[in-house]
Amino acid sequence: QFVQSGGGSVQPGGSLRLSCAASGFTPANWDMGWFRQAPGKEREAVSCINMKDGDTVYSDSVKGRFTISRDNDKNVVYLEMNNLKPEDTAVYYCTTEPRGCGAATLATMPVTATDYWGQGSQVTVSS
């Protein structure tokens, strides 16, 4: 359903971009988002985007550093990550948000089955 690309290893202060391409059946009215999972830490939703109007929501931990965007023609969602910190180290997943992107839904994302997740992208920030 969703194929991710990007990620890798950078030094603190560096930048990376993740991409998530949807293929096959994807409900056209479902918004999209990104969450991350670090070893020994709780899963954290970082951002979501309204696929119709482009409105975005970010967690406090990434606000001002990460930017989510979409290309509806290509069915791709991006996560641009700047000024990366060691605490951003995690596996990042894209997913759908069937409840609509908002501050309340971001807090409990993801709610979909793993069939609607990307395969995960490792992001490592270290010096």
Foldseek 3Di string as FASTA:
>chain_A
DKAKDKADEDAQQAKIKMKIADDDDDPPQWWKFKWWDDPPDDIATAKIAGPPPGDMDGDPVQPPFWDWGDDVVRRMIMIIGGRDDQVVFTWMKMFTQRVGDDPVSSGVPDPDDCVGIYPTHTHGYHD
